Amino acid sequence: MAHDPLGCDDCPVRDVAVCAGLGERERQTLARLGRRRTIRRGETLFLAGEDNIACATLVSGALKLARIDSEGVERIVALVHPADFMARMFATAIDCTATALADSEICLFPRDVIAREMQGHAAFLDRLLRATSAQLDRARDLIDLIGRRDARARVAGLLLMFLESACIPARPGDVRRIDLPLTRGEMAALLGLTIETVSRQLTALEAMGAVRRIGLRGLEVTDPDALRTAATG
């Protein structure tokens, strides 16, 4: 039986992550050069300004990518979801700090190893380009969301993004539960709102029957159509 150092056989994202573009032999070679790591909520994976020596695939959990502005305020610029690949293949330094929003599992690889795989395997390069394109699309969607005038549209749109990132389609008649990866404060910072405004809009969405809050982080989307309508502003 082949050694499986990263637990690839049981990996929940093995068929959708960038490594899905490799054959079994190449996957095993990559696995021997990587390592699996658990990072706890609040723990930093990459720190802005550090040497760019590693790449990572998120297996489970959630991370945020953030920068600190000149006034010392954190600015969240992206969210990282399972199967996302974190890499700056052609840069020498890390540009954003990556912090776990929940207990998370990652596969960590040396950047030079990934660079070699890019050169030697067209299927892997295709996967990497597709993943990069998808992350760019999400970044554009986030910019569009932040630019909406209506606060309710921003909050509702962000909740829909959370649904999509959890691979839970928002279909009519369905009730889907998610655990919010961001605190109210982090949602406010991301959307350019105050914490009070985020709380008011969550209350309003609950009052209209679109969602139901469960504890501090739990959320049920009880009416996806209503949530989608609210997101259009």
Protein backbone atom coordinates (compact mmCIF):
# COMPACT_ATOMS: atom_id res chain seq x y z
CA MET A 1 0.00 0.00 0.00
CA ALA A 2 1.35 3.44 -0.96
CA HIS A 3 2.31 5.75 1.88
CA ASP A 4 -0.18 8.63 2.21
CA PRO A 5 1.60 11.26 4.36
CA LEU A 6 -0.98 14.01 3.79
CA GLY A 7 -4.07 11.82 4.05
CA CYS A 8 -4.88 12.46 0.37
CA ASP A 9 -7.11 9.39 0.11
CA ASP A 10 -9.55 10.85 2.64
CA CYS A 11 -9.13 14.52 1.70
CA PRO A 12 -12.53 16.23 1.28
CA VAL A 13 -11.19 18.57 -1.43
CA ARG A 14 -8.91 16.22 -3.36
CA ASP A 15 -11.14 16.25 -6.46
CA VAL A 16 -11.50 20.05 -6.63
CA ALA A 17 -8.20 21.40 -5.28
CA VAL A 18 -5.29 22.24 -7.59
CA CYS A 19 -3.62 18.88 -6.88
CA ALA A 20 -6.52 17.19 -8.69
CA GLY A 21 -4.64 18.09 -11.87
CA LEU A 22 -1.89 15.61 -10.99
CA GLY A 23 -1.72 11.90 -11.69
CA GLU A 24 -1.52 9.50 -8.77
CA ARG A 25 2.26 9.15 -8.97
CA GLU A 26 2.79 12.92 -9.11
CA ARG A 27 0.33 13.41 -6.27
CA GLN A 28 2.28 10.97 -4.10
CA THR A 29 5.53 12.76 -4.92
CA LEU A 30 4.00 16.11 -3.98
CA ALA A 31 2.57 14.64 -0.77
CA ARG A 32 6.00 13.44 0.35
CA LEU A 33 7.32 17.00 0.02
CA GLY A 34 4.41 18.66 1.82
CA ARG A 35 2.98 18.50 5.30
CA ARG A 36 -0.44 18.67 6.88
CA ARG A 37 -0.94 21.33 9.52
CA THR A 38 -3.73 22.32 11.89
CA ILE A 39 -4.09 26.01 12.67
CA ARG A 40 -6.37 27.21 15.44
CA ARG A 41 -8.78 30.11 15.24
CA GLY A 42 -6.81 33.36 15.48
CA GLU A 43 -3.50 31.73 14.55
CA THR A 44 -1.46 33.25 11.71
CA LEU A 45 -0.40 31.10 8.77
CA PHE A 46 1.43 33.71 6.66
CA LEU A 47 2.59 37.13 7.85
CA ALA A 48 2.77 40.12 5.49
CA GLY A 49 6.36 41.05 4.74
CA GLU A 50 7.80 37.59 5.36
CA ASP A 51 9.78 35.75 2.70
CA ASN A 52 7.48 33.97 0.28
CA ILE A 53 8.69 30.38 0.61
CA ALA A 54 5.49 28.33 0.92
CA CYS A 55 2.12 27.65 -0.69
CA ALA A 56 -0.94 26.12 0.92
CA THR A 57 -4.24 24.45 0.09
CA LEU A 58 -7.05 24.93 2.60
CA VAL A 59 -8.59 21.54 3.36
CA SER A 60 -11.17 22.66 5.92
CA GLY A 61 -12.05 25.75 7.91
CA ALA A 62 -11.72 29.37 6.80
CA LEU A 63 -9.05 32.07 6.70
CA LYS A 64 -8.95 35.79 6.08
CA LEU A 65 -6.33 37.72 4.14
CA ALA A 66 -5.75 41.16 5.59
CA ARG A 67 -3.50 44.18 5.41
CA ILE A 68 -2.80 46.82 8.04
CA ASP A 69 -3.18 50.39 6.82
CA SER A 70 -1.07 53.41 7.80
CA GLU A 71 -3.32 54.06 10.80
CA GLY A 72 -2.93 50.52 12.11
CA VAL A 73 -6.42 49.42 11.07
CA GLU A 74 -6.88 45.92 9.70
CA ARG A 75 -8.42 45.75 6.22
CA ILE A 76 -9.77 42.36 5.18
CA VAL A 77 -9.15 41.97 1.45
CA ALA A 78 -10.24 38.37 0.84
CA LEU A 79 -11.62 35.23 2.43
CA VAL A 80 -10.10 31.79 1.87
CA HIS A 81 -12.41 28.79 1.57
CA PRO A 82 -11.83 25.01 1.43
CA ALA A 83 -9.98 23.94 -1.76
CA ASP A 84 -8.58 27.45 -2.25
CA PHE A 85 -4.88 27.62 -3.05
CA MET A 86 -2.81 30.33 -1.38
CA ALA A 87 0.27 31.21 -3.38
CA ARG A 88 2.17 34.14 -4.86
CA MET A 89 4.18 32.18 -7.36
CA PHE A 90 6.21 35.07 -8.77
CA ALA A 91 6.69 37.25 -5.69
CA THR A 92 9.50 37.18 -3.15
CA ALA A 93 7.47 38.43 -0.18
CA ILE A 94 4.06 37.80 1.39
CA ASP A 95 1.69 40.73 0.79
CA CYS A 96 -1.22 39.81 3.12
CA THR A 97 -1.42 38.24 6.55
CA ALA A 98 -3.41 34.99 6.51
CA THR A 99 -5.23 34.28 9.78
CA ALA A 100 -7.53 31.40 10.68
CA LEU A 101 -11.16 32.38 11.24
CA ALA A 102 -11.90 28.90 12.55
CA ASP A 103 -9.88 25.81 13.41
CA SER A 104 -8.53 24.85 9.98
CA GLU A 105 -6.57 22.13 8.21
CA ILE A 106 -4.09 23.00 5.48
CA CYS A 107 -1.61 21.25 3.23
CA LEU A 108 1.63 23.23 3.12
CA PHE A 109 4.20 22.96 0.32
CA PRO A 110 7.52 24.65 -0.51
CA ARG A 111 6.97 27.24 -3.24
CA ASP A 112 9.83 25.91 -5.37
CA VAL A 113 8.21 22.47 -5.42
CA ILE A 114 4.96 23.92 -6.76
CA ALA A 115 6.92 25.93 -9.33
CA ARG A 116 8.48 22.72 -10.65
CA GLU A 117 5.08 21.05 -10.89
CA MET A 118 3.80 24.02 -12.89
CA GLN A 119 6.55 23.55 -15.45
CA GLY A 120 6.23 19.81 -15.77
CA HIS A 121 2.48 19.15 -15.77
CA ALA A 122 0.05 20.94 -18.06
CA ALA A 123 -2.98 19.57 -16.19
CA PHE A 124 -1.67 20.94 -12.89
CA LEU A 125 -1.01 24.34 -14.47
CA ASP A 126 -4.54 24.33 -15.90
CA ARG A 127 -5.97 23.64 -12.43
CA LEU A 128 -3.86 26.39 -10.93
CA LEU A 129 -4.97 28.91 -13.55
CA ARG A 130 -8.62 27.95 -13.06
CA ALA A 131 -8.29 28.31 -9.28
CA THR A 132 -6.63 31.70 -9.68
CA SER A 133 -9.38 32.80 -12.06
CA ALA A 134 -12.10 31.70 -9.63
CA GLN A 135 -10.45 33.59 -6.77
CA LEU A 136 -10.18 36.68 -8.98
CA ASP A 137 -13.90 36.40 -9.78
CA ARG A 138 -14.68 36.24 -6.06
CA ALA A 139 -12.50 39.28 -5.42
CA ARG A 140 -14.43 41.20 -8.08
CA ASP A 141 -17.72 40.07 -6.56
CA LEU A 142 -16.53 41.32 -3.18
CA ILE A 143 -15.56 44.70 -4.64
CA ASP A 144 -19.00 44.93 -6.23
CA LEU A 145 -20.64 44.00 -2.92
CA ILE A 146 -18.73 46.61 -0.94
CA GLY A 147 -19.63 49.24 -3.52
CA ARG A 148 -23.38 48.81 -3.07
CA ARG A 149 -25.06 51.76 -1.41
CA ASP A 150 -27.62 49.81 0.57
CA ALA A 151 -26.30 48.33 3.83
CA ARG A 152 -28.86 45.51 3.75
CA ALA A 153 -27.72 44.53 0.26
CA ARG A 154 -24.12 44.32 1.48
CA VAL A 155 -24.97 42.12 4.46
CA ALA A 156 -27.36 39.89 2.49
CA GLY A 157 -24.83 39.54 -0.33
CA LEU A 158 -22.12 38.52 2.11
CA LEU A 159 -24.38 35.85 3.61
CA LEU A 160 -25.01 34.47 0.11
CA MET A 161 -21.25 34.36 -0.44
CA PHE A 162 -20.90 32.34 2.75
CA LEU A 163 -23.51 29.90 1.44
CA GLU A 164 -21.71 29.50 -1.86
CA SER A 165 -18.32 29.04 -0.20
CA ALA A 166 -19.82 26.26 1.91
CA CYS A 167 -20.98 24.60 -1.34
CA ILE A 168 -24.59 24.97 -0.21
CA PRO A 169 -26.84 26.11 -3.08
CA ALA A 170 -29.53 28.58 -2.09
CA ARG A 171 -32.54 26.83 -3.64
CA PRO A 172 -36.20 27.77 -3.17
CA GLY A 173 -37.86 25.98 -0.28
CA ASP A 174 -34.61 24.80 1.27
CA VAL A 175 -33.31 25.66 4.72
CA ARG A 176 -29.53 25.70 4.97
CA ARG A 177 -27.46 26.23 8.09
CA ILE A 178 -24.01 27.78 8.08
CA ASP A 179 -21.56 28.88 10.73
CA LEU A 180 -20.54 32.46 10.07
CA PRO A 181 -16.74 32.60 9.62
CA LEU A 182 -16.59 36.29 10.56
CA THR A 183 -17.56 38.12 13.73
CA ARG A 184 -19.92 41.09 13.50
CA GLY A 185 -16.88 43.36 13.76
CA GLU A 186 -15.06 41.57 10.94
CA MET A 187 -18.17 41.69 8.76
CA ALA A 188 -18.45 45.40 9.44
CA ALA A 189 -14.79 46.02 8.57
CA LEU A 190 -15.09 44.02 5.36
CA LEU A 191 -18.28 45.76 4.22
CA GLY A 192 -17.38 49.29 5.28
CA LEU A 193 -20.17 49.42 7.87
CA THR A 194 -20.39 49.81 11.63
CA ILE A 195 -20.97 46.84 13.91
CA GLU A 196 -24.31 48.35 14.91
CA THR A 197 -25.41 48.57 11.28
CA VAL A 198 -24.48 44.94 10.62
CA SER A 199 -26.45 43.86 13.70
CA ARG A 200 -29.47 45.93 12.64
CA GLN A 201 -29.43 44.47 9.14
CA LEU A 202 -29.16 40.91 10.44
CA THR A 203 -32.15 41.64 12.67
CA ALA A 204 -34.06 43.07 9.69
CA LEU A 205 -33.26 40.03 7.53
CA GLU A 206 -34.47 37.79 10.34
CA ALA A 207 -37.67 39.84 10.74
CA MET A 208 -38.46 39.46 7.03
CA GLY A 209 -38.02 35.69 7.29
CA ALA A 210 -34.90 35.39 5.16
CA VAL A 211 -32.65 34.06 7.92
CA ARG A 212 -32.74 32.81 11.49
CA ARG A 213 -29.83 33.31 13.86
CA ILE A 214 -28.73 30.44 16.08
CA GLY A 215 -26.37 31.36 18.90
CA LEU A 216 -23.33 33.54 18.23
CA ARG A 217 -22.26 32.10 14.87
CA GLY A 218 -25.03 29.82 13.60
CA LEU A 219 -27.34 31.02 10.83
CA GLU A 220 -30.17 29.33 8.95
CA VAL A 221 -31.14 30.68 5.54
CA THR A 222 -34.88 30.06 5.69
CA ASP A 223 -35.87 31.92 2.51
CA PRO A 224 -33.08 32.01 -0.10
CA ASP A 225 -35.22 34.01 -2.55
CA ALA A 226 -35.86 36.73 0.03
CA LEU A 227 -32.16 36.85 0.88
CA ARG A 228 -31.25 37.08 -2.81
CA THR A 229 -33.78 39.87 -3.33
CA ALA A 230 -32.35 41.78 -0.36
CA ALA A 231 -28.86 41.37 -1.82
CA THR A 232 -29.85 43.17 -5.02
CA GLY A 233 -30.52 46.35 -3.05
